[in-house]
N, C-alpha and C. Protein backbone atom coordinates (compact mmCIF):
# COMPACT_ATOMS: atom_id res chain seq x y z
N MET A 1 -27.32 -16.61 23.00
CA MET A 1 -27.54 -17.15 24.48
C MET A 1 -28.04 -15.51 24.82
N VAL A 2 -28.90 -15.98 25.73
CA VAL A 2 -29.53 -14.87 26.67
C VAL A 2 -29.20 -15.02 27.94
N PHE A 3 -27.75 -14.17 28.74
CA PHE A 3 -26.70 -14.32 30.09
C PHE A 3 -28.32 -13.93 30.96
N GLU A 4 -28.04 -14.90 32.37
CA GLU A 4 -29.32 -14.35 33.42
C GLU A 4 -28.82 -13.33 33.98
N LYS A 5 -30.10 -13.17 34.53
CA LYS A 5 -30.29 -11.68 34.51
C LYS A 5 -30.44 -12.33 36.63
N PHE A 6 -29.77 -11.46 37.62
CA PHE A 6 -29.67 -11.25 38.68
C PHE A 6 -30.40 -10.02 39.60
N THR A 7 -30.87 -9.94 40.51
CA THR A 7 -31.08 -8.62 41.64
C THR A 7 -30.66 -9.28 42.82
N GLY A 8 -30.48 -7.90 43.56
CA GLY A 8 -30.43 -6.99 44.65
C GLY A 8 -30.00 -6.04 45.41
N LYS A 9 -30.90 -6.21 46.51
CA LYS A 9 -30.69 -4.54 46.58
C LYS A 9 -28.89 -3.94 47.23
N THR A 10 -27.85 -4.58 46.94
CA THR A 10 -26.61 -4.14 46.57
C THR A 10 -26.20 -4.51 45.52
N LEU A 11 -25.40 -4.42 44.34
CA LEU A 11 -24.44 -5.36 44.10
C LEU A 11 -23.83 -6.69 44.39
N GLU A 12 -22.90 -6.41 46.26
CA GLU A 12 -23.25 -7.33 46.81
C GLU A 12 -24.23 -8.69 46.60
N ASP A 13 -25.25 -8.76 47.28
CA ASP A 13 -26.68 -8.70 46.99
C ASP A 13 -27.08 -9.87 45.95
N ALA A 14 -26.51 -8.66 44.73
CA ALA A 14 -26.87 -9.56 43.25
C ALA A 14 -26.07 -10.56 42.99
N LEU A 15 -24.59 -10.63 43.05
CA LEU A 15 -23.55 -11.39 43.09
C LEU A 15 -23.54 -12.59 43.88
N ASN A 16 -23.87 -12.69 44.93
CA ASN A 16 -24.60 -13.81 46.31
C ASN A 16 -25.74 -14.84 45.25
N ASN A 17 -26.41 -13.37 44.71
CA ASN A 17 -27.62 -14.22 44.06
C ASN A 17 -27.56 -15.51 42.83
N ALA A 18 -26.13 -14.68 42.34
CA ALA A 18 -26.05 -15.42 41.05
C ALA A 18 -25.01 -16.46 41.08
N ALA A 19 -23.94 -16.10 42.68
CA ALA A 19 -23.26 -17.67 42.05
C ALA A 19 -24.44 -18.71 43.28
N SER A 20 -24.97 -18.58 44.00
CA SER A 20 -25.51 -19.15 44.52
C SER A 20 -26.95 -20.03 43.63
N ALA A 21 -27.13 -19.49 42.49
CA ALA A 21 -27.57 -19.85 41.84
C ALA A 21 -26.40 -21.31 40.22
N LYS A 22 -26.06 -20.40 40.49
CA LYS A 22 -24.99 -21.14 39.31
C LYS A 22 -24.05 -21.99 40.01
N GLY A 23 -24.19 -22.19 41.53
CA GLY A 23 -23.46 -22.74 42.14
C GLY A 23 -21.86 -22.81 42.36
N CYS A 24 -21.41 -21.64 42.10
CA CYS A 24 -19.95 -20.61 42.30
C CYS A 24 -19.55 -20.54 43.08
N GLY A 25 -18.62 -19.59 43.17
CA GLY A 25 -17.97 -18.63 44.00
C GLY A 25 -18.34 -17.60 43.65
N VAL A 26 -18.43 -16.06 43.96
CA VAL A 26 -18.48 -15.12 43.01
C VAL A 26 -16.99 -14.21 42.74
N ASP A 27 -16.28 -15.08 42.57
CA ASP A 27 -15.07 -14.83 42.12
C ASP A 27 -14.97 -14.77 40.64
N GLU A 28 -15.76 -16.62 40.41
CA GLU A 28 -16.19 -17.23 39.42
C GLU A 28 -16.46 -16.40 38.31
N LEU A 29 -17.33 -15.55 38.86
CA LEU A 29 -18.44 -14.77 38.15
C LEU A 29 -18.21 -13.60 36.98
N THR A 30 -17.95 -13.36 35.70
CA THR A 30 -18.01 -12.28 35.02
C THR A 30 -19.31 -12.01 34.72
N TYR A 31 -19.30 -10.20 35.10
CA TYR A 31 -20.66 -9.91 34.94
C TYR A 31 -20.95 -8.14 34.59
N ASN A 32 -22.49 -8.05 34.41
CA ASN A 32 -21.91 -6.32 33.67
C ASN A 32 -23.31 -6.46 34.99
N VAL A 33 -23.39 -4.94 34.93
CA VAL A 33 -24.26 -4.06 35.84
C VAL A 33 -25.62 -3.22 34.42
N ILE A 34 -26.99 -3.79 34.80
CA ILE A 34 -27.16 -3.60 33.79
C ILE A 34 -28.29 -2.32 34.25
N GLU A 35 -28.80 -2.57 35.35
CA GLU A 35 -29.35 -1.59 35.83
C GLU A 35 -29.59 -0.77 37.33
N GLU A 36 -29.42 -0.15 37.32
CA GLU A 36 -29.57 0.46 38.74
C GLU A 36 -30.50 1.63 39.84
N LYS A 37 -31.58 1.25 40.31
CA LYS A 37 -32.79 1.69 40.83
C LYS A 37 -32.81 2.25 42.51
N ALA A 38 -32.76 3.92 42.31
CA ALA A 38 -31.85 4.21 43.61
C ALA A 38 -33.17 4.12 44.71
N GLY A 39 -34.32 4.05 43.93
CA GLY A 39 -35.60 4.19 44.85
C GLY A 39 -36.41 5.62 45.72
N PHE A 40 -37.21 5.14 46.68
CA PHE A 40 -37.23 6.31 47.13
C PHE A 40 -36.70 6.94 48.48
N LEU A 41 -36.37 7.67 48.63
CA LEU A 41 -35.28 8.33 50.01
C LEU A 41 -34.84 6.51 49.95
N GLY A 42 -33.88 6.24 49.66
CA GLY A 42 -32.80 4.62 49.76
C GLY A 42 -34.21 3.30 49.99
N ILE A 43 -35.61 3.31 49.58
CA ILE A 43 -36.20 2.72 50.15
C ILE A 43 -37.14 1.87 48.95
N GLY A 44 -36.25 0.65 48.56
CA GLY A 44 -36.40 -0.18 46.59
C GLY A 44 -35.60 0.06 46.43
N LYS A 45 -34.34 0.67 46.67
CA LYS A 45 -33.50 -0.06 46.20
C LYS A 45 -32.67 -1.44 46.05
N THR A 46 -32.48 -1.34 43.97
CA THR A 46 -32.39 -2.47 43.74
C THR A 46 -30.89 -2.39 42.63
N VAL A 47 -30.07 -3.95 42.45
CA VAL A 47 -28.86 -3.51 41.31
C VAL A 47 -29.03 -4.99 40.58
N GLU A 48 -29.56 -4.27 39.23
CA GLU A 48 -29.59 -5.68 38.07
C GLU A 48 -28.34 -6.06 37.72
N ILE A 49 -27.85 -7.58 37.29
CA ILE A 49 -26.63 -7.85 37.08
C ILE A 49 -27.09 -8.48 35.91
N GLU A 50 -25.83 -8.88 35.09
CA GLU A 50 -26.16 -10.36 33.89
C GLU A 50 -25.46 -10.75 34.41
N ALA A 51 -24.51 -12.23 34.26
CA ALA A 51 -23.73 -12.54 34.88
C ALA A 51 -23.26 -14.13 34.27
N PHE A 52 -22.05 -14.68 33.91
CA PHE A 52 -21.71 -15.75 33.31
C PHE A 52 -21.14 -16.29 34.79
N CYS A 53 -20.38 -18.14 33.99
CA CYS A 53 -19.43 -18.29 34.99
C CYS A 53 -18.58 -19.27 34.10
N GLU A 54 -17.50 -19.98 34.16
CA GLU A 54 -17.11 -21.30 33.65
C GLU A 54 -17.71 -21.98 32.99
N LYS A 55 -18.80 -22.72 33.81
CA LYS A 55 -19.74 -23.90 33.31
C LYS A 55 -20.85 -23.50 32.12
N ASP A 56 -21.49 -21.87 32.14
CA ASP A 56 -21.93 -21.43 31.29
C ASP A 56 -21.01 -21.52 30.09
N ILE A 57 -19.61 -21.14 29.71
CA ILE A 57 -18.78 -21.54 29.15
C ILE A 57 -19.13 -22.61 27.99
N GLU A 58 -19.11 -24.03 28.83
CA GLU A 58 -18.88 -25.19 28.39
C GLU A 58 -20.49 -25.98 28.33
N LYS A 59 -21.17 -25.33 28.50
CA LYS A 59 -22.51 -25.83 28.14
C LYS A 59 -22.68 -24.76 26.61
N PHE A 60 -21.74 -24.12 26.58
CA PHE A 60 -22.52 -22.79 25.00
C PHE A 60 -21.76 -23.82 23.81
N ILE A 61 -20.24 -24.31 24.32
CA ILE A 61 -19.45 -24.55 23.94
C ILE A 61 -19.95 -26.27 23.23
N CYS A 62 -20.66 -26.69 24.06
CA CYS A 62 -21.17 -28.42 23.79
C CYS A 62 -22.55 -27.79 23.24
N SER A 63 -23.21 -27.14 23.87
CA SER A 63 -24.88 -26.42 22.55
C SER A 63 -24.23 -26.48 21.49
N TYR A 64 -22.99 -25.54 20.82
CA TYR A 64 -23.01 -25.55 19.45
C TYR A 64 -21.96 -26.37 18.72
N ILE A 65 -21.84 -27.05 19.47
CA ILE A 65 -21.10 -28.36 18.63
C ILE A 65 -22.35 -29.31 18.07
N GLN A 66 -22.96 -29.59 19.51
CA GLN A 66 -24.02 -30.58 18.57
C GLN A 66 -25.16 -29.75 17.38
N SER A 67 -24.97 -28.41 17.50
CA SER A 67 -26.03 -28.25 16.70
C SER A 67 -25.56 -28.08 15.27
N TYR A 68 -24.14 -28.09 15.59
CA TYR A 68 -23.27 -28.60 14.24
C TYR A 68 -23.76 -29.45 13.45
N PHE A 69 -23.46 -30.74 14.75
CA PHE A 69 -23.73 -32.17 14.71
C PHE A 69 -25.14 -32.25 13.69
N ASP A 70 -25.99 -31.55 14.57
CA ASP A 70 -27.54 -31.80 14.11
C ASP A 70 -27.70 -31.22 12.96
N ASN A 71 -27.07 -30.03 12.54
CA ASN A 71 -27.53 -29.40 10.80
C ASN A 71 -26.88 -30.37 10.36
N ALA A 72 -25.36 -30.80 10.30
CA ALA A 72 -24.70 -31.70 9.30
C ALA A 72 -25.67 -33.06 9.54
N ALA A 73 -26.14 -33.29 10.24
CA ALA A 73 -27.23 -34.50 10.00
C ALA A 73 -25.70 -35.61 10.03
N LEU A 74 -24.77 -35.42 11.50
CA LEU A 74 -23.76 -36.03 11.95
C LEU A 74 -23.85 -36.95 13.72
N ASP A 75 -22.73 -37.90 13.78
CA ASP A 75 -23.57 -37.91 14.91
C ASP A 75 -22.09 -37.61 15.63
N GLY A 76 -22.51 -37.29 17.06
CA GLY A 76 -20.72 -36.94 17.68
C GLY A 76 -21.48 -37.06 19.22
N GLU A 77 -20.80 -37.39 19.83
CA GLU A 77 -20.41 -37.00 21.30
C GLU A 77 -19.08 -36.15 22.49
N VAL A 78 -19.65 -35.18 22.70
CA VAL A 78 -18.74 -34.12 23.24
C VAL A 78 -18.63 -34.23 24.79
N GLN A 79 -17.26 -34.04 24.95
CA GLN A 79 -16.66 -34.21 26.59
C GLN A 79 -16.06 -33.43 27.01
N ILE A 80 -16.19 -32.41 27.71
CA ILE A 80 -15.32 -31.15 28.16
C ILE A 80 -14.32 -31.31 29.27
N GLU A 81 -12.89 -30.93 28.75
CA GLU A 81 -11.73 -30.76 30.62
C GLU A 81 -11.75 -29.30 30.34
N ASN A 82 -12.05 -28.51 31.24
CA ASN A 82 -11.76 -27.26 31.95
C ASN A 82 -10.24 -27.59 32.52
N ASP A 83 -9.23 -26.64 31.61
CA ASP A 83 -8.29 -26.73 31.83
C ASP A 83 -7.91 -25.76 32.60
N ASN A 84 -8.28 -24.99 33.83
CA ASN A 84 -7.39 -23.79 34.77
C ASN A 84 -7.70 -22.28 33.48
N GLY A 85 -9.67 -23.00 32.77
CA GLY A 85 -10.09 -21.90 31.84
C GLY A 85 -9.36 -22.01 30.47
N PHE A 86 -8.51 -23.08 30.57
CA PHE A 86 -8.64 -23.64 28.81
C PHE A 86 -9.42 -24.74 28.32
N TYR A 87 -10.21 -25.18 27.52
CA TYR A 87 -11.38 -26.27 27.41
C TYR A 87 -10.33 -26.83 26.40
N ARG A 88 -10.42 -28.32 26.43
CA ARG A 88 -10.51 -29.48 26.11
C ARG A 88 -11.04 -30.11 25.58
N ILE A 89 -11.34 -30.43 24.49
CA ILE A 89 -12.94 -30.91 24.54
C ILE A 89 -12.72 -32.18 23.43
N THR A 90 -13.79 -33.11 23.58
CA THR A 90 -13.03 -33.96 22.91
C THR A 90 -14.56 -34.50 22.06
N VAL A 91 -13.92 -34.90 21.07
CA VAL A 91 -15.45 -35.28 20.37
C VAL A 91 -15.14 -36.58 19.93
N ASN A 92 -16.16 -37.42 19.46
CA ASN A 92 -15.96 -39.05 18.97
C ASN A 92 -17.23 -38.89 18.25
N THR A 93 -17.14 -39.80 17.37
CA THR A 93 -18.37 -39.87 15.86
C THR A 93 -17.35 -40.88 15.35
N ASN A 94 -18.61 -41.58 14.50
CA ASN A 94 -18.40 -42.47 13.46
C ASN A 94 -17.94 -41.68 12.31
N ASN A 95 -18.21 -40.26 11.62
CA ASN A 95 -17.39 -39.29 10.96
C ASN A 95 -16.50 -38.52 11.23
N ASN A 96 -15.41 -39.11 11.89
CA ASN A 96 -13.80 -38.41 12.00
C ASN A 96 -13.49 -38.32 10.12
N ALA A 97 -13.66 -38.72 9.26
CA ALA A 97 -13.23 -38.11 7.70
C ALA A 97 -13.12 -37.24 7.77
N ILE A 98 -14.76 -36.84 8.10
CA ILE A 98 -15.52 -34.92 7.59
C ILE A 98 -15.12 -33.88 8.79
N LEU A 99 -14.81 -34.11 9.96
CA LEU A 99 -14.29 -32.95 10.64
C LEU A 99 -12.85 -33.44 10.50
N ILE A 100 -11.94 -34.56 10.76
CA ILE A 100 -11.06 -33.90 10.65
C ILE A 100 -10.32 -33.23 9.54
N GLY A 101 -10.41 -34.23 8.26
CA GLY A 101 -10.00 -33.38 6.77
C GLY A 101 -8.28 -34.62 6.94
N LYS A 102 -7.95 -33.74 5.05
CA LYS A 102 -6.67 -33.87 4.85
C LYS A 102 -5.66 -32.95 6.11
N ALA A 103 -5.37 -34.03 6.62
CA ALA A 103 -3.91 -33.13 7.34
C ALA A 103 -4.09 -32.29 8.43
N GLY A 104 -5.78 -32.73 9.20
CA GLY A 104 -6.14 -32.13 9.94
C GLY A 104 -6.63 -30.59 9.46
N LYS A 105 -6.72 -30.46 8.42
CA LYS A 105 -7.28 -29.20 8.39
C LYS A 105 -8.57 -28.86 8.34
N SER A 106 -9.23 -29.59 8.30
CA SER A 106 -11.09 -29.54 8.26
C SER A 106 -10.91 -29.08 10.21
N LEU A 107 -10.18 -29.60 10.86
CA LEU A 107 -10.39 -29.87 12.52
C LEU A 107 -9.96 -28.54 12.65
N GLN A 108 -8.43 -28.06 12.48
CA GLN A 108 -7.99 -26.81 12.21
C GLN A 108 -9.31 -26.06 12.11
N SER A 109 -10.05 -25.51 10.40
CA SER A 109 -10.44 -24.53 10.38
C SER A 109 -11.96 -25.02 11.94
N PHE A 110 -12.51 -26.03 12.04
CA PHE A 110 -13.53 -26.32 12.92
C PHE A 110 -13.40 -25.43 14.51
N ASN A 111 -12.15 -25.88 14.94
CA ASN A 111 -12.18 -25.40 16.16
C ASN A 111 -11.82 -23.89 15.77
N ARG A 112 -11.15 -23.70 14.80
CA ARG A 112 -10.81 -21.92 14.67
C ARG A 112 -12.28 -21.50 15.50
N ILE A 113 -13.34 -21.98 13.34
CA ILE A 113 -15.20 -21.31 13.89
C ILE A 113 -15.60 -21.19 15.74
N VAL A 114 -15.56 -23.09 15.90
CA VAL A 114 -16.03 -22.68 17.50
C VAL A 114 -15.74 -21.82 18.68
N LYS A 115 -14.19 -21.44 18.47
CA LYS A 115 -13.32 -20.28 19.11
C LYS A 115 -13.97 -19.01 19.52
N SER A 116 -13.63 -19.16 17.75
CA SER A 116 -14.61 -17.86 17.58
C SER A 116 -16.05 -17.17 18.44
N ALA A 117 -16.68 -18.35 17.71
CA ALA A 117 -18.30 -17.93 18.06
C ALA A 117 -18.10 -17.81 19.63
N VAL A 118 -17.70 -18.36 20.20
CA VAL A 118 -17.65 -18.86 22.05
C VAL A 118 -17.24 -17.30 22.38
N SER A 119 -15.83 -16.65 21.77
CA SER A 119 -15.29 -15.55 22.80
C SER A 119 -16.49 -14.62 21.79
N ALA A 120 -17.39 -14.43 20.73
CA ALA A 120 -17.70 -13.17 20.43
C ALA A 120 -19.03 -13.50 21.00
N GLN A 121 -19.31 -14.83 21.60
CA GLN A 121 -20.77 -14.93 22.52
C GLN A 121 -20.44 -14.33 23.77
N PHE A 122 -19.39 -14.91 25.17
CA PHE A 122 -19.06 -14.43 25.73
C PHE A 122 -17.80 -12.59 26.05
N LYS A 123 -17.89 -12.03 24.73
CA LYS A 123 -17.26 -11.13 24.64
C LYS A 123 -15.77 -10.80 25.06
N LYS A 124 -15.15 -11.93 24.71
CA LYS A 124 -13.73 -12.16 26.18
C LYS A 124 -12.85 -13.57 25.26
N ARG A 125 -11.53 -13.37 24.73
CA ARG A 125 -10.80 -14.60 24.32
C ARG A 125 -10.74 -15.54 24.95
N VAL A 126 -10.79 -16.67 24.45
CA VAL A 126 -11.71 -17.73 25.30
C VAL A 126 -11.05 -19.30 24.30
N GLY A 127 -9.85 -19.68 25.09
CA GLY A 127 -8.86 -20.76 24.93
C GLY A 127 -9.54 -22.32 24.74
N LEU A 128 -9.42 -22.65 22.91
CA LEU A 128 -10.06 -24.35 23.50
C LEU A 128 -9.26 -25.39 22.19
N LEU A 129 -9.44 -26.75 22.56
CA LEU A 129 -8.68 -27.31 21.57
C LEU A 129 -9.40 -28.04 21.68
N ILE A 130 -10.03 -29.09 20.19
CA ILE A 130 -10.81 -29.30 19.77
C ILE A 130 -9.93 -31.21 19.60
N ASP A 131 -10.40 -32.18 19.61
CA ASP A 131 -9.35 -32.66 19.19
C ASP A 131 -11.01 -34.49 18.58
N VAL A 132 -10.82 -34.81 17.77
CA VAL A 132 -11.54 -36.15 17.00
C VAL A 132 -11.22 -37.30 17.27
N ASN A 133 -11.71 -38.04 18.00
CA ASN A 133 -11.54 -39.57 18.52
C ASN A 133 -10.24 -39.96 18.31
N GLY A 134 -9.05 -38.51 19.14
CA GLY A 134 -7.33 -38.89 19.71
C GLY A 134 -6.86 -38.95 18.11
N TYR A 135 -7.27 -37.82 17.13
CA TYR A 135 -6.51 -37.51 16.39
C TYR A 135 -5.37 -36.41 16.79
N LYS A 136 -5.62 -35.37 17.65
CA LYS A 136 -4.61 -34.52 18.18
C LYS A 136 -3.91 -35.56 19.10
N GLN A 137 -4.09 -36.53 19.52
CA GLN A 137 -3.31 -36.54 20.12
C GLN A 137 -1.82 -38.02 19.56
N ASP A 138 -2.45 -38.63 18.75
CA ASP A 138 -1.49 -39.07 17.68
C ASP A 138 -1.07 -38.22 16.83
N ARG A 139 -1.43 -37.34 16.72
CA ARG A 139 -0.79 -36.33 15.97
C ARG A 139 0.79 -35.72 16.67
N TYR A 140 0.56 -35.12 17.97
CA TYR A 140 2.08 -34.67 18.62
C TYR A 140 2.80 -35.66 18.38
N GLU A 141 1.94 -36.97 19.28
CA GLU A 141 3.37 -38.45 19.29
C GLU A 141 4.04 -37.84 17.97
N LYS A 142 3.01 -37.68 16.59
CA LYS A 142 3.95 -38.22 15.20
C LYS A 142 4.96 -37.15 15.17
N ILE A 143 4.83 -35.90 15.45
CA ILE A 143 5.20 -34.94 14.81
C ILE A 143 6.41 -34.26 16.05
N THR A 144 6.30 -35.21 16.98
CA THR A 144 7.30 -35.19 18.46
C THR A 144 8.80 -35.78 18.16
N LYS A 145 8.26 -36.95 17.85
CA LYS A 145 9.02 -37.79 17.59
C LYS A 145 9.92 -38.02 15.91
N MET A 146 9.15 -36.55 15.02
CA MET A 146 9.86 -36.00 14.12
C MET A 146 10.88 -35.02 14.44
N ALA A 147 10.22 -34.72 15.26
CA ALA A 147 11.06 -32.98 15.59
C ALA A 147 12.46 -33.69 16.55
N VAL A 148 12.43 -34.63 17.31
CA VAL A 148 13.16 -34.81 17.77
C VAL A 148 14.37 -35.47 16.85
N ARG A 149 14.39 -36.49 15.82
CA ARG A 149 14.75 -36.91 14.75
C ARG A 149 15.59 -35.59 14.21
N VAL A 150 15.09 -34.48 13.82
CA VAL A 150 15.45 -33.28 13.24
C VAL A 150 16.40 -32.85 13.73
N ALA A 151 15.93 -32.57 15.16
CA ALA A 151 16.90 -31.70 16.37
C ALA A 151 18.65 -32.26 16.60
N LYS A 152 18.23 -33.94 16.32
CA LYS A 152 19.53 -34.68 16.44
C LYS A 152 20.45 -34.54 15.24
N ASP A 153 19.37 -33.85 14.16
CA ASP A 153 20.36 -34.01 12.88
C ASP A 153 21.59 -32.36 12.79
N VAL A 154 20.29 -31.55 13.61
CA VAL A 154 20.39 -30.16 13.81
C VAL A 154 22.07 -29.95 14.59
N ARG A 155 21.56 -30.68 15.90
CA ARG A 155 23.13 -31.13 16.64
C ARG A 155 24.27 -31.30 15.75
N ARG A 156 24.04 -32.70 14.91
CA ARG A 156 25.21 -33.17 14.41
C ARG A 156 25.82 -32.62 13.65
N THR A 157 25.05 -31.39 12.56
CA THR A 157 24.86 -30.96 11.02
C THR A 157 25.59 -29.14 11.36
N LYS A 158 25.09 -28.88 12.61
CA LYS A 158 25.23 -27.48 13.17
C LYS A 158 24.22 -26.34 12.41
N ILE A 159 23.57 -26.97 11.68
CA ILE A 159 22.87 -26.19 10.45
C ILE A 159 20.78 -25.94 11.01
N ASP A 160 20.58 -24.81 10.90
CA ASP A 160 18.90 -24.75 11.16
C ASP A 160 18.11 -25.88 10.76
N ALA A 161 16.99 -25.80 11.18
CA ALA A 161 16.14 -26.68 10.40
C ALA A 161 14.47 -26.04 10.28
N LEU A 162 14.18 -25.68 9.23
CA LEU A 162 13.14 -24.96 9.36
C LEU A 162 11.73 -25.98 8.86
N LEU A 163 10.50 -26.16 10.07
CA LEU A 163 9.98 -27.33 9.64
C LEU A 163 8.60 -26.69 8.93
N ASP A 164 7.56 -27.52 8.42
CA ASP A 164 6.98 -27.14 7.45
C ASP A 164 5.67 -26.00 8.80
N PRO A 165 4.82 -25.71 8.10
CA PRO A 165 3.95 -24.84 8.46
C PRO A 165 2.90 -25.63 9.23
N MET A 166 2.61 -25.16 10.88
CA MET A 166 1.37 -26.13 11.42
C MET A 166 1.13 -25.31 12.43
N PRO A 167 -0.22 -25.33 13.14
CA PRO A 167 -1.19 -25.20 14.21
C PRO A 167 0.05 -24.71 15.25
N ALA A 168 -0.90 -23.79 16.23
CA ALA A 168 -0.16 -23.31 17.69
C ALA A 168 0.01 -24.29 18.24
N ASP A 169 -0.83 -25.53 18.64
CA ASP A 169 -1.08 -26.96 19.99
C ASP A 169 0.16 -27.07 19.02
N GLU A 170 0.20 -27.53 17.59
CA GLU A 170 1.16 -29.50 17.48
C GLU A 170 2.84 -27.91 17.49
N ARG A 171 2.96 -26.63 17.20
CA ARG A 171 4.08 -26.29 17.58
C ARG A 171 4.79 -26.20 19.27
N LYS A 172 3.78 -25.71 19.99
CA LYS A 172 3.82 -26.27 21.43
C LYS A 172 4.09 -27.52 21.92
N ALA A 173 3.58 -28.34 21.12
CA ALA A 173 3.81 -30.01 21.10
C ALA A 173 5.09 -29.94 20.96
N ILE A 174 6.08 -29.72 19.97
CA ILE A 174 7.09 -29.80 19.58
C ILE A 174 8.31 -28.66 20.66
N HIS A 175 7.99 -27.94 20.77
CA HIS A 175 8.30 -26.65 21.34
C HIS A 175 8.46 -27.74 23.10
N ASN A 176 8.11 -27.91 23.80
CA ASN A 176 7.50 -28.81 25.25
C ASN A 176 8.33 -30.07 24.71
N ALA A 177 8.18 -30.50 23.34
CA ALA A 177 9.25 -32.41 23.70
C ALA A 177 10.68 -31.74 24.04
N LEU A 178 11.46 -30.61 22.80
CA LEU A 178 12.42 -30.15 22.92
C LEU A 178 12.88 -29.03 23.71
N ALA A 179 12.14 -29.30 24.68
CA ALA A 179 12.90 -27.97 25.65
C ALA A 179 14.29 -28.48 26.68
N ASN A 180 13.74 -29.45 26.88
CA ASN A 180 14.92 -30.49 27.97
C ASN A 180 15.89 -31.09 27.20
N MET A 181 16.80 -30.30 25.94
CA MET A 181 17.16 -31.08 24.70
C MET A 181 18.40 -30.01 24.51
N GLY A 182 19.27 -30.64 24.57
CA GLY A 182 20.66 -29.89 25.06
C GLY A 182 21.33 -29.92 23.27
N GLY A 183 21.63 -28.63 23.37
CA GLY A 183 21.97 -27.87 22.22
C GLY A 183 21.26 -27.83 20.70
N VAL A 184 19.96 -28.03 20.96
CA VAL A 184 18.62 -27.26 20.28
C VAL A 184 17.31 -26.44 21.04
N SER A 185 17.49 -25.28 20.31
CA SER A 185 16.15 -24.22 20.76
C SER A 185 15.28 -23.92 19.86
N THR A 186 13.91 -24.12 20.06
CA THR A 186 13.25 -23.77 19.35
C THR A 186 12.47 -22.47 18.88
N LYS A 187 11.83 -21.91 17.91
CA LYS A 187 11.52 -20.74 18.24
C LYS A 187 10.02 -20.52 16.74
N SER A 188 9.04 -19.54 16.69
CA SER A 188 7.90 -20.23 15.67
C SER A 188 8.01 -18.19 15.13
N GLU A 189 8.13 -18.67 13.47
CA GLU A 189 8.79 -17.86 12.56
C GLU A 189 7.05 -17.66 11.64
N GLY A 190 7.01 -16.25 11.10
CA GLY A 190 5.74 -16.64 9.75
C GLY A 190 4.84 -15.99 10.76
N GLU A 191 3.39 -16.01 9.67
CA GLU A 191 2.36 -15.48 10.46
C GLU A 191 0.78 -15.92 9.76
N GLY A 192 0.12 -16.24 10.71
CA GLY A 192 -1.14 -16.85 10.32
C GLY A 192 -1.56 -18.15 10.19
N ASP A 193 -1.41 -18.73 9.18
CA ASP A 193 -1.93 -20.50 9.10
C ASP A 193 -0.08 -20.54 8.41
N GLY A 194 0.89 -20.27 7.88
CA GLY A 194 2.25 -20.41 7.13
C GLY A 194 3.19 -20.11 8.56
N ARG A 195 2.41 -20.47 9.82
CA ARG A 195 3.32 -20.07 10.86
C ARG A 195 4.47 -21.17 10.87
N GLN A 196 6.26 -21.26 11.24
CA GLN A 196 6.89 -22.89 11.27
C GLN A 196 7.42 -22.74 12.55
N LEU A 197 8.08 -23.53 12.71
CA LEU A 197 8.69 -23.92 13.85
C LEU A 197 10.32 -24.15 13.16
N ARG A 198 11.37 -23.72 13.77
CA ARG A 198 13.00 -23.06 13.27
C ARG A 198 13.40 -23.83 14.62
N ILE A 199 13.98 -24.99 14.66
CA ILE A 199 14.77 -25.92 15.51
C ILE A 199 16.88 -25.38 14.91
N ILE A 200 17.37 -24.61 16.15
CA ILE A 200 18.08 -23.67 16.25
C ILE A 200 19.53 -24.21 16.54
N TYR A 201 20.39 -24.73 16.09
CA TYR A 201 21.18 -25.07 16.83
C TYR A 201 22.22 -24.55 18.07
N THR A 202 21.98 -24.43 18.73
CA THR A 202 22.31 -23.79 20.22
C THR A 202 23.47 -24.24 21.25
N PRO A 203 24.96 -24.21 20.33
CA PRO A 203 25.53 -25.27 21.47
C PRO A 203 25.68 -24.74 22.88
N ASN A 204 25.47 -23.55 23.08
CA ASN A 204 25.83 -23.56 25.06
C ASN A 204 24.69 -24.04 25.55
N LYS A 205 23.71 -24.45 25.37
CA LYS A 205 22.19 -24.83 26.01
C LYS A 205 22.57 -26.47 26.25
N GLU A 206 23.16 -26.35 27.85
CA GLU A 206 22.85 -27.68 28.26
C GLU A 206 21.70 -28.45 28.68
N VAL A 207 21.83 -30.13 28.44
CA VAL A 207 20.96 -30.85 29.05
C VAL A 207 20.44 -30.53 30.24
N LYS A 208 18.77 -30.23 31.06
CA LYS A 208 18.12 -29.88 32.18
C LYS A 208 18.36 -31.47 32.59
């Protein structure tokens, strides 16, 4: 992807031109100054920048995922919700088994690939989460119900429990589900794909 370039007599002019063309505010732009020309005796001075906004990131994500579908001869419809700079991507497809994989491993890898591609393209860390045919939402409901049962056992036995390894978004779902539960707290342990969530007996924690 080639970032669009904009010029103006000053940096402020160039930014205003970019914001106007993209239909966003100047404060929503990320930019780099490409070239500054001083002109002769101040006449003909110009500033050239390259700039992008969050809408450009959304377009890139859609294009990247669609290219994957096309190359793999898969069908798919992509929708994106921008949650304060975190991109929640919903994919509807007839090939959900291929994209999700066993225990969601293929989806986890696909999420990592797209995230790396977008972050590399825009030279900044971009957070995103891909869900296929509602798999993630169903998964969150399943694992949080399981975690609540385990947490009740932890309170009863006063013995901590270590859950199986799971991705960050699933650990976060459990953490949120147990945040207001008295008598237990949660903590992530381990590295990489082996990172796990420990449910800890916490007798002094009260129900909020």
